[in-house]
N, C-alpha and C. Protein backbone atom coordinates (compact mmCIF):
# COMPACT_ATOMS: atom_id res chain seq x y z
N MET A 1 26.92 163.58 18.63
CA MET A 1 27.95 164.63 18.53
C MET A 1 27.76 165.64 19.70
N GLU A 2 26.47 165.92 20.05
CA GLU A 2 26.22 166.88 21.13
C GLU A 2 26.88 166.39 22.42
N GLN A 3 26.69 165.08 22.68
CA GLN A 3 27.26 164.52 23.85
C GLN A 3 28.78 164.65 23.90
N VAL A 4 29.44 164.51 22.78
CA VAL A 4 30.91 164.68 22.73
C VAL A 4 31.24 166.18 22.97
N VAL A 5 30.59 167.10 22.34
CA VAL A 5 30.88 168.50 22.43
C VAL A 5 30.65 169.06 23.89
N ASN A 6 29.60 168.55 24.54
CA ASN A 6 29.26 169.08 25.84
C ASN A 6 29.73 168.27 27.07
N LYS A 7 30.81 167.54 26.80
CA LYS A 7 31.49 166.77 27.86
C LYS A 7 32.82 167.32 28.14
N LYS A 8 33.24 167.38 29.40
CA LYS A 8 34.64 167.80 29.70
C LYS A 8 35.22 166.82 30.71
N ALA A 9 36.52 166.89 30.86
CA ALA A 9 37.20 165.84 31.69
C ALA A 9 37.35 166.28 33.19
N TYR A 10 37.44 167.54 33.52
CA TYR A 10 37.77 167.88 34.80
C TYR A 10 36.78 168.86 35.46
N GLU A 11 36.62 168.75 36.79
CA GLU A 11 35.70 169.65 37.50
C GLU A 11 36.45 170.92 37.87
N LEU A 12 35.75 172.07 37.68
CA LEU A 12 36.22 173.33 38.15
C LEU A 12 35.10 174.06 38.83
N SER A 13 35.47 174.94 39.76
CA SER A 13 34.44 175.80 40.38
C SER A 13 33.93 176.77 39.31
N LYS A 14 32.85 177.46 39.61
CA LYS A 14 32.36 178.45 38.71
C LYS A 14 33.36 179.54 38.42
N THR A 15 34.13 179.95 39.45
CA THR A 15 35.17 180.93 39.22
C THR A 15 36.27 180.37 38.34
N GLY A 16 36.59 179.12 38.65
CA GLY A 16 37.64 178.44 37.80
C GLY A 16 37.23 178.32 36.38
N GLU A 17 35.92 178.04 36.15
CA GLU A 17 35.44 177.98 34.72
C GLU A 17 35.64 179.27 34.03
N ILE A 18 35.29 180.39 34.73
CA ILE A 18 35.36 181.69 34.12
C ILE A 18 36.84 182.03 33.83
N ILE A 19 37.75 181.70 34.75
CA ILE A 19 39.16 181.99 34.63
C ILE A 19 39.73 181.18 33.44
N GLN A 20 39.36 179.94 33.45
CA GLN A 20 39.79 179.02 32.36
C GLN A 20 39.39 179.59 30.97
N THR A 21 38.07 180.01 30.82
CA THR A 21 37.51 180.47 29.58
C THR A 21 38.28 181.76 29.13
N ILE A 22 38.47 182.65 30.06
CA ILE A 22 39.21 183.90 29.78
C ILE A 22 40.60 183.64 29.34
N LEU A 23 41.32 182.76 30.06
CA LEU A 23 42.72 182.49 29.68
C LEU A 23 42.82 181.83 28.34
N ILE A 24 41.92 180.84 28.00
CA ILE A 24 41.91 180.15 26.74
C ILE A 24 41.67 181.11 25.59
N ILE A 25 40.61 181.96 25.76
CA ILE A 25 40.28 182.98 24.76
C ILE A 25 41.37 183.97 24.50
N LEU A 26 42.02 184.46 25.64
CA LEU A 26 43.09 185.43 25.51
C LEU A 26 44.29 184.72 24.78
N GLY A 27 44.57 183.41 25.16
CA GLY A 27 45.61 182.67 24.49
C GLY A 27 45.42 182.51 23.02
N ALA A 28 44.12 182.32 22.65
CA ALA A 28 43.88 182.17 21.18
C ALA A 28 43.76 183.54 20.41
N LEU A 29 43.35 184.54 21.17
CA LEU A 29 43.11 185.82 20.39
C LEU A 29 44.33 186.77 20.53
N LEU A 30 44.78 187.03 21.77
CA LEU A 30 45.81 188.12 21.99
C LEU A 30 47.20 187.58 21.71
N VAL A 31 47.52 186.35 22.11
CA VAL A 31 48.87 185.85 22.02
C VAL A 31 49.47 185.99 20.60
N PRO A 32 48.73 185.56 19.57
CA PRO A 32 49.26 185.69 18.16
C PRO A 32 49.52 187.18 17.77
N ALA A 33 48.74 188.13 18.34
CA ALA A 33 48.93 189.52 17.93
C ALA A 33 49.92 190.23 18.72
N ILE A 34 50.12 189.86 20.01
CA ILE A 34 50.89 190.69 21.01
C ILE A 34 52.29 190.04 21.23
N VAL A 35 52.36 188.71 21.43
CA VAL A 35 53.64 188.07 21.77
C VAL A 35 54.75 188.29 20.82
N PRO A 36 54.57 188.24 19.48
CA PRO A 36 55.65 188.45 18.58
C PRO A 36 56.27 189.81 18.75
N GLN A 37 55.39 190.84 18.94
CA GLN A 37 55.96 192.18 19.15
C GLN A 37 56.74 192.26 20.45
N LEU A 38 56.22 191.65 21.46
CA LEU A 38 56.94 191.63 22.77
C LEU A 38 58.31 191.03 22.69
N LEU A 39 58.38 189.88 22.01
CA LEU A 39 59.64 189.22 21.78
C LEU A 39 60.66 190.09 21.04
N GLN A 40 60.18 190.86 20.08
CA GLN A 40 61.09 191.73 19.31
C GLN A 40 61.60 192.84 20.26
N VAL A 41 60.71 193.35 21.09
CA VAL A 41 61.07 194.45 22.04
C VAL A 41 62.12 193.91 23.09
N ILE A 42 61.75 192.76 23.67
CA ILE A 42 62.60 192.26 24.72
C ILE A 42 63.86 191.67 24.20
N PHE A 43 63.96 190.92 23.08
CA PHE A 43 65.11 190.25 22.74
C PHE A 43 65.75 190.87 21.47
N GLY A 44 65.03 191.78 20.83
CA GLY A 44 65.63 192.34 19.59
C GLY A 44 65.04 191.70 18.36
N LYS A 45 64.83 192.51 17.32
CA LYS A 45 64.20 191.97 16.08
C LYS A 45 65.01 190.84 15.35
N THR A 46 66.32 190.84 15.56
CA THR A 46 67.18 189.89 14.90
C THR A 46 67.49 188.66 15.75
N SER A 47 66.94 188.65 17.02
CA SER A 47 67.31 187.51 17.92
C SER A 47 66.64 186.31 17.44
N TRP A 48 67.14 185.13 17.80
CA TRP A 48 66.59 183.84 17.41
C TRP A 48 65.18 183.70 17.88
N ILE A 49 64.89 184.06 19.18
CA ILE A 49 63.53 183.85 19.62
C ILE A 49 62.49 184.67 18.99
N ALA A 50 62.90 185.93 18.64
CA ALA A 50 61.95 186.85 17.92
C ALA A 50 61.77 186.31 16.47
N SER A 51 62.85 185.92 15.86
CA SER A 51 62.69 185.31 14.49
C SER A 51 61.86 184.09 14.40
N ASN A 52 61.85 183.38 15.50
CA ASN A 52 61.08 182.06 15.57
C ASN A 52 59.87 182.23 16.45
N SER A 53 59.19 183.36 16.38
CA SER A 53 58.04 183.53 17.27
C SER A 53 56.95 182.63 16.97
N GLN A 54 56.97 182.06 15.82
CA GLN A 54 55.83 181.08 15.59
C GLN A 54 55.91 179.86 16.46
N ILE A 55 57.07 179.53 16.93
CA ILE A 55 57.27 178.40 17.85
C ILE A 55 56.63 178.75 19.17
N VAL A 56 56.95 179.93 19.70
CA VAL A 56 56.41 180.35 21.02
C VAL A 56 54.91 180.59 20.97
N VAL A 57 54.47 181.34 19.93
CA VAL A 57 53.02 181.60 19.75
C VAL A 57 52.25 180.34 19.51
N GLY A 58 52.72 179.52 18.58
CA GLY A 58 52.13 178.26 18.22
C GLY A 58 51.98 177.32 19.39
N SER A 59 52.98 177.23 20.28
CA SER A 59 52.90 176.39 21.39
C SER A 59 51.82 176.84 22.36
N ILE A 60 51.74 178.14 22.57
CA ILE A 60 50.65 178.66 23.48
C ILE A 60 49.29 178.44 22.85
N VAL A 61 49.19 178.69 21.58
CA VAL A 61 47.88 178.57 20.93
C VAL A 61 47.46 177.09 20.95
N ASN A 62 48.33 176.17 20.67
CA ASN A 62 47.99 174.76 20.71
C ASN A 62 47.64 174.30 22.11
N THR A 63 48.24 174.89 23.14
CA THR A 63 47.80 174.56 24.49
C THR A 63 46.36 175.04 24.71
N ALA A 64 46.02 176.19 24.24
CA ALA A 64 44.66 176.66 24.25
C ALA A 64 43.68 175.68 23.47
N LEU A 65 44.11 175.21 22.35
CA LEU A 65 43.26 174.33 21.58
C LEU A 65 43.11 172.99 22.29
N ILE A 66 44.13 172.44 22.84
CA ILE A 66 44.03 171.15 23.56
C ILE A 66 43.24 171.32 24.86
N MET A 67 43.41 172.35 25.57
CA MET A 67 42.68 172.63 26.80
C MET A 67 41.19 172.84 26.52
N THR A 68 40.94 173.44 25.37
CA THR A 68 39.54 173.50 24.84
C THR A 68 38.89 172.19 24.69
N GLY A 69 39.64 171.33 24.00
CA GLY A 69 39.13 170.00 23.72
C GLY A 69 38.88 169.23 24.99
N ILE A 70 39.80 169.36 25.97
CA ILE A 70 39.64 168.63 27.21
C ILE A 70 38.69 169.19 28.16
N ASN A 71 38.51 170.48 28.28
CA ASN A 71 37.72 170.97 29.41
C ASN A 71 36.84 172.17 29.09
N MET A 72 36.44 172.37 27.79
CA MET A 72 35.47 173.42 27.54
C MET A 72 34.24 172.80 26.80
N LYS A 73 33.06 173.29 27.03
CA LYS A 73 31.86 172.72 26.45
C LYS A 73 31.21 173.68 25.55
N GLY A 74 30.53 173.19 24.49
CA GLY A 74 29.75 174.07 23.60
C GLY A 74 30.36 174.43 22.30
N TRP A 75 29.51 174.42 21.29
CA TRP A 75 29.98 174.69 19.91
C TRP A 75 30.59 176.07 19.81
N ARG A 76 29.98 177.05 20.45
CA ARG A 76 30.37 178.49 20.28
C ARG A 76 31.84 178.66 20.71
N LYS A 77 32.13 178.10 21.94
CA LYS A 77 33.49 178.26 22.49
C LYS A 77 34.51 177.50 21.60
N ILE A 78 34.14 176.31 21.13
CA ILE A 78 35.03 175.48 20.31
C ILE A 78 35.35 176.11 19.02
N LEU A 79 34.31 176.67 18.30
CA LEU A 79 34.53 177.30 17.05
C LEU A 79 35.31 178.59 17.28
N LEU A 80 35.06 179.30 18.27
CA LEU A 80 35.74 180.58 18.59
C LEU A 80 37.29 180.34 18.79
N VAL A 81 37.59 179.37 19.54
CA VAL A 81 39.02 179.05 19.90
C VAL A 81 39.67 178.48 18.54
N ALA A 82 38.95 177.70 17.76
CA ALA A 82 39.55 177.13 16.53
C ALA A 82 39.84 178.07 15.47
N THR A 83 39.07 179.21 15.49
CA THR A 83 39.25 180.19 14.36
C THR A 83 40.04 181.44 14.77
N LEU A 84 39.96 181.86 15.97
CA LEU A 84 40.62 183.12 16.40
C LEU A 84 42.07 183.20 16.19
N PRO A 85 42.89 182.19 16.53
CA PRO A 85 44.34 182.32 16.42
C PRO A 85 44.90 182.69 14.99
N SER A 86 44.36 182.01 13.90
CA SER A 86 44.83 182.34 12.59
C SER A 86 44.39 183.72 12.18
N LEU A 87 43.19 184.14 12.54
CA LEU A 87 42.77 185.50 12.22
C LEU A 87 43.62 186.59 12.89
N SER A 88 43.87 186.27 14.20
CA SER A 88 44.75 187.23 14.92
C SER A 88 46.10 187.25 14.41
N ALA A 89 46.74 186.11 14.09
CA ALA A 89 48.08 186.09 13.55
C ALA A 89 48.24 186.78 12.25
N ILE A 90 47.32 186.49 11.33
CA ILE A 90 47.34 187.11 10.00
C ILE A 90 47.00 188.64 10.12
N GLY A 91 46.03 188.96 10.98
CA GLY A 91 45.70 190.38 11.15
C GLY A 91 46.80 191.19 11.65
N SER A 92 47.66 190.69 12.57
CA SER A 92 48.81 191.49 13.07
C SER A 92 49.97 191.45 12.09
N GLY A 93 50.15 190.42 11.32
CA GLY A 93 51.16 190.33 10.37
C GLY A 93 52.58 190.11 10.89
N TYR A 94 52.66 189.83 12.22
CA TYR A 94 54.00 189.72 12.81
C TYR A 94 54.57 188.32 12.72
N ILE A 95 53.75 187.29 12.76
CA ILE A 95 54.31 185.94 12.74
C ILE A 95 54.83 185.53 11.39
N PHE A 96 53.97 185.72 10.35
CA PHE A 96 54.32 185.27 9.01
C PHE A 96 55.05 186.30 8.14
N GLY A 97 55.11 187.55 8.62
CA GLY A 97 55.86 188.59 7.96
C GLY A 97 55.48 188.77 6.55
N SER A 98 56.43 188.68 5.62
CA SER A 98 56.15 188.90 4.21
C SER A 98 55.32 187.80 3.58
N LEU A 99 55.13 186.66 4.33
CA LEU A 99 54.26 185.57 3.78
C LEU A 99 52.84 185.72 4.23
N THR A 100 52.50 186.78 4.96
CA THR A 100 51.16 186.95 5.53
C THR A 100 50.08 186.86 4.43
N LYS A 101 50.31 187.55 3.27
CA LYS A 101 49.29 187.56 2.26
C LYS A 101 49.11 186.16 1.66
N VAL A 102 50.19 185.43 1.44
CA VAL A 102 50.19 184.13 0.92
C VAL A 102 49.50 183.19 1.84
N THR A 103 49.69 183.39 3.22
CA THR A 103 49.17 182.52 4.24
C THR A 103 47.68 182.67 4.35
N ILE A 104 47.05 183.69 3.85
CA ILE A 104 45.60 183.89 4.00
C ILE A 104 44.86 182.61 3.33
N PHE A 105 45.47 182.12 2.25
CA PHE A 105 44.83 181.04 1.58
C PHE A 105 44.83 179.75 2.45
N MET A 106 45.61 179.75 3.49
CA MET A 106 45.73 178.65 4.43
C MET A 106 44.79 178.61 5.55
N VAL A 107 44.06 179.79 5.66
CA VAL A 107 43.10 179.91 6.84
C VAL A 107 42.09 178.80 6.93
N PRO A 108 41.40 178.42 5.81
CA PRO A 108 40.46 177.32 5.95
C PRO A 108 41.14 176.00 6.46
N GLY A 109 42.30 175.71 5.95
CA GLY A 109 42.98 174.53 6.39
C GLY A 109 43.38 174.53 7.86
N ILE A 110 43.83 175.71 8.27
CA ILE A 110 44.21 175.89 9.66
C ILE A 110 42.98 175.74 10.56
N TRP A 111 41.86 176.35 10.13
CA TRP A 111 40.61 176.23 10.90
C TRP A 111 40.23 174.74 11.10
N LEU A 112 40.21 174.01 9.98
CA LEU A 112 39.93 172.62 9.98
C LEU A 112 40.91 171.74 10.86
N GLY A 113 42.18 172.09 10.74
CA GLY A 113 43.16 171.40 11.54
C GLY A 113 42.95 171.72 13.06
N ASN A 114 42.71 172.94 13.44
CA ASN A 114 42.54 173.26 14.79
C ASN A 114 41.19 172.58 15.31
N PHE A 115 40.15 172.62 14.55
CA PHE A 115 38.85 172.00 14.95
C PHE A 115 39.05 170.45 15.15
N ALA A 116 39.82 169.88 14.29
CA ALA A 116 40.08 168.45 14.38
C ALA A 116 40.82 168.08 15.64
N LEU A 117 41.87 168.98 15.93
CA LEU A 117 42.61 168.72 17.22
C LEU A 117 41.73 168.80 18.41
N ILE A 118 40.84 169.84 18.47
CA ILE A 118 39.94 170.04 19.59
C ILE A 118 39.04 168.83 19.74
N MET A 119 38.37 168.47 18.57
CA MET A 119 37.30 167.45 18.62
C MET A 119 37.89 166.05 18.91
N LEU A 120 39.06 165.78 18.37
CA LEU A 120 39.65 164.48 18.58
C LEU A 120 40.11 164.37 20.02
N MET A 121 40.59 165.32 20.63
CA MET A 121 41.02 165.30 22.01
C MET A 121 39.74 165.07 22.88
N LYS A 122 38.65 165.78 22.52
CA LYS A 122 37.45 165.64 23.20
C LYS A 122 36.87 164.25 23.05
N TYR A 123 36.96 163.77 21.90
CA TYR A 123 36.35 162.40 21.64
C TYR A 123 37.17 161.33 22.26
N LEU A 124 38.49 161.31 21.96
CA LEU A 124 39.46 160.25 22.41
C LEU A 124 39.65 160.24 23.90
N TYR A 125 40.11 161.43 24.43
CA TYR A 125 40.54 161.48 25.82
C TYR A 125 39.37 161.69 26.73
N VAL A 126 38.44 162.60 26.37
CA VAL A 126 37.38 162.91 27.32
C VAL A 126 36.25 161.87 27.26
N ASN A 127 35.79 161.55 26.06
CA ASN A 127 34.62 160.60 25.90
C ASN A 127 34.96 159.18 25.88
N LYS A 128 36.17 158.81 25.33
CA LYS A 128 36.44 157.43 25.27
C LYS A 128 37.56 156.92 26.29
N ASN A 129 38.03 157.92 27.10
CA ASN A 129 39.03 157.67 28.13
C ASN A 129 40.34 156.98 27.65
N ILE A 130 40.63 157.30 26.45
CA ILE A 130 41.95 156.79 25.88
C ILE A 130 43.05 157.56 26.48
N ASN A 131 44.15 156.83 26.72
CA ASN A 131 45.36 157.43 27.31
C ASN A 131 45.69 158.81 26.67
N TYR A 132 46.09 159.70 27.53
CA TYR A 132 46.43 161.08 27.11
C TYR A 132 47.40 161.17 25.96
N ALA A 133 48.57 160.43 26.12
CA ALA A 133 49.59 160.53 25.13
C ALA A 133 49.11 159.99 23.79
N VAL A 134 48.38 158.87 23.82
CA VAL A 134 47.82 158.26 22.59
C VAL A 134 46.87 159.22 21.94
N SER A 135 45.96 159.79 22.73
CA SER A 135 44.97 160.77 22.24
C SER A 135 45.63 161.92 21.58
N ALA A 136 46.67 162.48 22.23
CA ALA A 136 47.39 163.64 21.75
C ALA A 136 48.13 163.36 20.45
N ILE A 137 48.82 162.23 20.41
CA ILE A 137 49.52 161.81 19.22
C ILE A 137 48.62 161.75 17.95
N ILE A 138 47.49 161.06 18.22
CA ILE A 138 46.54 160.90 17.07
C ILE A 138 45.96 162.25 16.66
N SER A 139 45.59 163.09 17.61
CA SER A 139 45.03 164.30 17.36
C SER A 139 45.94 165.26 16.64
N ILE A 140 47.18 165.25 17.12
CA ILE A 140 48.23 166.12 16.48
C ILE A 140 48.50 165.64 15.06
N ALA A 141 48.59 164.35 14.87
CA ALA A 141 48.84 163.78 13.56
C ALA A 141 47.79 164.19 12.54
N VAL A 142 46.51 164.10 13.00
CA VAL A 142 45.40 164.46 12.10
C VAL A 142 45.46 165.96 11.75
N LYS A 143 45.70 166.76 12.80
CA LYS A 143 45.75 168.25 12.58
C LYS A 143 46.81 168.59 11.51
N VAL A 144 48.01 168.03 11.73
CA VAL A 144 49.10 168.33 10.80
C VAL A 144 48.76 167.74 9.41
N ALA A 145 48.23 166.64 9.30
CA ALA A 145 47.86 165.99 7.99
C ALA A 145 46.82 166.96 7.26
N ILE A 146 45.90 167.46 7.96
CA ILE A 146 44.88 168.33 7.37
C ILE A 146 45.55 169.58 6.80
N ILE A 147 46.23 170.21 7.67
CA ILE A 147 46.92 171.52 7.23
C ILE A 147 47.88 171.32 6.11
N PHE A 148 48.69 170.34 6.26
CA PHE A 148 49.73 170.02 5.20
C PHE A 148 49.06 169.62 3.92
N GLY A 149 47.94 168.86 4.11
CA GLY A 149 47.17 168.35 2.88
C GLY A 149 46.54 169.55 2.17
N VAL A 150 45.99 170.51 2.88
CA VAL A 150 45.41 171.61 2.21
C VAL A 150 46.47 172.42 1.52
N LEU A 151 47.66 172.55 2.13
CA LEU A 151 48.76 173.31 1.49
C LEU A 151 49.08 172.62 0.22
N ASN A 152 49.20 171.32 0.17
CA ASN A 152 49.58 170.61 -1.05
C ASN A 152 48.51 170.70 -2.13
N ILE A 153 47.24 170.78 -1.73
CA ILE A 153 46.16 170.93 -2.67
C ILE A 153 46.34 172.30 -3.40
N TRP A 154 46.49 173.38 -2.58
CA TRP A 154 46.71 174.66 -3.16
C TRP A 154 47.95 174.73 -4.09
N MET A 155 48.96 173.99 -3.73
CA MET A 155 50.20 173.94 -4.56
C MET A 155 49.86 173.20 -5.89
N ALA A 156 49.14 172.17 -5.77
CA ALA A 156 48.83 171.39 -6.88
C ALA A 156 48.00 172.15 -7.94
N PHE A 157 47.19 173.03 -7.47
CA PHE A 157 46.40 173.91 -8.37
C PHE A 157 47.05 175.26 -8.65
N SER A 158 48.27 175.40 -8.26
CA SER A 158 49.13 176.62 -8.51
C SER A 158 48.57 177.81 -7.86
N VAL A 159 47.71 177.68 -6.81
CA VAL A 159 47.27 178.79 -6.10
C VAL A 159 48.40 179.35 -5.23
N LEU A 160 49.20 178.38 -4.70
CA LEU A 160 50.36 178.76 -3.95
C LEU A 160 51.60 178.12 -4.72
N PRO A 161 52.79 178.79 -4.63
CA PRO A 161 53.93 178.30 -5.24
C PRO A 161 54.38 176.95 -4.70
N SER A 162 54.85 176.07 -5.64
CA SER A 162 55.16 174.74 -5.22
C SER A 162 56.73 174.57 -5.27
N GLU A 163 57.41 175.57 -5.69
CA GLU A 163 58.94 175.45 -5.78
C GLU A 163 59.42 176.84 -5.26
N GLY A 164 60.68 176.72 -4.86
CA GLY A 164 61.39 177.95 -4.43
C GLY A 164 61.34 178.17 -2.86
N VAL A 165 61.90 179.30 -2.48
CA VAL A 165 62.03 179.63 -1.10
C VAL A 165 60.68 179.73 -0.34
N VAL A 166 59.75 180.41 -1.04
CA VAL A 166 58.37 180.51 -0.47
C VAL A 166 57.71 179.17 -0.21
N ALA A 167 57.82 178.30 -1.21
CA ALA A 167 57.18 176.96 -1.09
C ALA A 167 57.80 176.17 0.06
N ASN A 168 59.17 176.27 0.12
CA ASN A 168 59.88 175.51 1.21
C ASN A 168 59.47 176.07 2.58
N THR A 169 59.40 177.35 2.65
CA THR A 169 59.00 178.02 3.98
C THR A 169 57.64 177.62 4.29
N LEU A 170 56.70 177.61 3.39
CA LEU A 170 55.33 177.17 3.68
C LEU A 170 55.32 175.70 4.04
N ARG A 171 56.02 174.86 3.48
CA ARG A 171 56.03 173.45 3.83
C ARG A 171 56.47 173.34 5.25
N ASN A 172 57.52 173.99 5.61
CA ASN A 172 58.05 173.94 6.94
C ASN A 172 57.11 174.50 7.91
N THR A 173 56.52 175.64 7.61
CA THR A 173 55.56 176.29 8.52
C THR A 173 54.31 175.50 8.80
N MET A 174 53.73 174.96 7.73
CA MET A 174 52.52 174.16 7.74
C MET A 174 52.67 172.68 8.05
N GLY A 175 53.96 172.27 8.16
CA GLY A 175 54.25 170.87 8.48
C GLY A 175 54.94 170.63 9.72
N LEU A 176 56.28 170.65 9.67
CA LEU A 176 57.09 170.41 10.86
C LEU A 176 56.78 171.35 12.03
N THR A 177 56.71 172.65 11.69
CA THR A 177 56.45 173.57 12.81
C THR A 177 55.14 173.34 13.48
N GLN A 178 54.08 172.96 12.69
CA GLN A 178 52.86 172.64 13.28
C GLN A 178 52.92 171.42 14.23
N ALA A 179 53.75 170.47 13.82
CA ALA A 179 53.86 169.22 14.65
C ALA A 179 54.60 169.61 15.95
N ILE A 180 55.70 170.36 15.82
CA ILE A 180 56.48 170.77 16.99
C ILE A 180 55.60 171.55 17.96
N THR A 181 54.89 172.56 17.54
CA THR A 181 54.15 173.47 18.39
C THR A 181 52.99 172.69 19.02
N ALA A 182 52.31 171.84 18.31
CA ALA A 182 51.30 171.03 18.78
C ALA A 182 51.75 170.13 19.93
N THR A 183 52.90 169.54 19.68
CA THR A 183 53.50 168.59 20.64
C THR A 183 53.88 169.36 21.95
N ILE A 184 54.47 170.52 21.80
CA ILE A 184 54.77 171.33 23.01
C ILE A 184 53.44 171.70 23.67
N GLY A 185 52.46 172.07 22.93
CA GLY A 185 51.13 172.39 23.51
C GLY A 185 50.56 171.26 24.28
N ALA A 186 50.73 170.05 23.84
CA ALA A 186 50.20 168.88 24.51
C ALA A 186 51.00 168.65 25.80
N ILE A 187 52.34 168.87 25.85
CA ILE A 187 53.15 168.77 26.96
C ILE A 187 52.73 169.75 28.08
N ILE A 188 52.55 171.07 27.58
CA ILE A 188 52.14 172.12 28.55
C ILE A 188 50.81 171.79 29.14
N SER A 189 49.87 171.29 28.31
CA SER A 189 48.54 170.97 28.72
C SER A 189 48.54 169.94 29.82
N ILE A 190 49.31 168.87 29.65
CA ILE A 190 49.30 167.77 30.65
C ILE A 190 49.95 168.29 31.95
N LEU A 191 50.87 169.18 31.78
CA LEU A 191 51.49 169.75 33.03
C LEU A 191 50.43 170.64 33.79
N ILE A 192 49.63 171.39 33.00
CA ILE A 192 48.57 172.20 33.68
C ILE A 192 47.53 171.29 34.31
N ILE A 193 47.20 170.19 33.67
CA ILE A 193 46.25 169.21 34.19
C ILE A 193 46.82 168.60 35.50
N LYS A 194 48.07 168.22 35.47
CA LYS A 194 48.66 167.45 36.66
C LYS A 194 48.67 168.42 37.86
N ILE A 195 48.94 169.71 37.57
CA ILE A 195 49.12 170.68 38.68
C ILE A 195 47.74 171.06 39.27
N GLY A 196 46.78 171.45 38.45
CA GLY A 196 45.59 172.04 38.97
C GLY A 196 44.24 171.54 38.65
N PHE A 197 44.18 170.25 38.03
CA PHE A 197 42.80 169.82 37.72
C PHE A 197 42.51 168.48 38.40
N ARG A 198 41.20 168.32 38.70
CA ARG A 198 40.70 167.08 39.34
C ARG A 198 39.78 166.35 38.39
N LYS A 199 40.06 165.10 38.12
CA LYS A 199 39.29 164.28 37.19
C LYS A 199 37.85 164.14 37.70
N LYS A 200 36.94 164.23 36.69
CA LYS A 200 35.55 164.10 37.07
C LYS A 200 35.23 162.63 37.49
N SER A 201 34.37 162.45 38.48
CA SER A 201 34.08 161.12 38.89
C SER A 201 33.01 160.45 38.00
């Protein structure tokens, strides 16, 4: 396991490593708290893009998660990036709005899903040299399955509502939206890789 965690796919200079770490941490911590507010200010609270800030924020966060899997080493950084986004999003209250209190129950599932995405990209793409697209599809599918599975467990035990508007919103947020944002994150990540990264020899 240590070999998997401490391996990365691309060479960066020391300065590049520092910049990468800062950008990924900022993407995981600040984006969920700040971007929704910025979208409301720029486009208006009732605009489509502000109302769907989870797509924008989720795509950036998933980019940070995937880039962590591909090119960051060490348990501390991995766990930090896996846990920060949900805490930041719930703490700010802007993404989930009135559902923020309900969404708190989903934090463990989101953490597990994020961790799975990071570790599977690291294992499949970095350690096993499996094709990027295949690695991303498998990793995204497992992440979504974990988060959606945890949601259904909570619903089965009546911790979260299983019927009505709230239930439907939660299913969409923890299912389809997760798949969409993770896929966009995977696309952004491969574009970043193609533009500025050199494969390790």
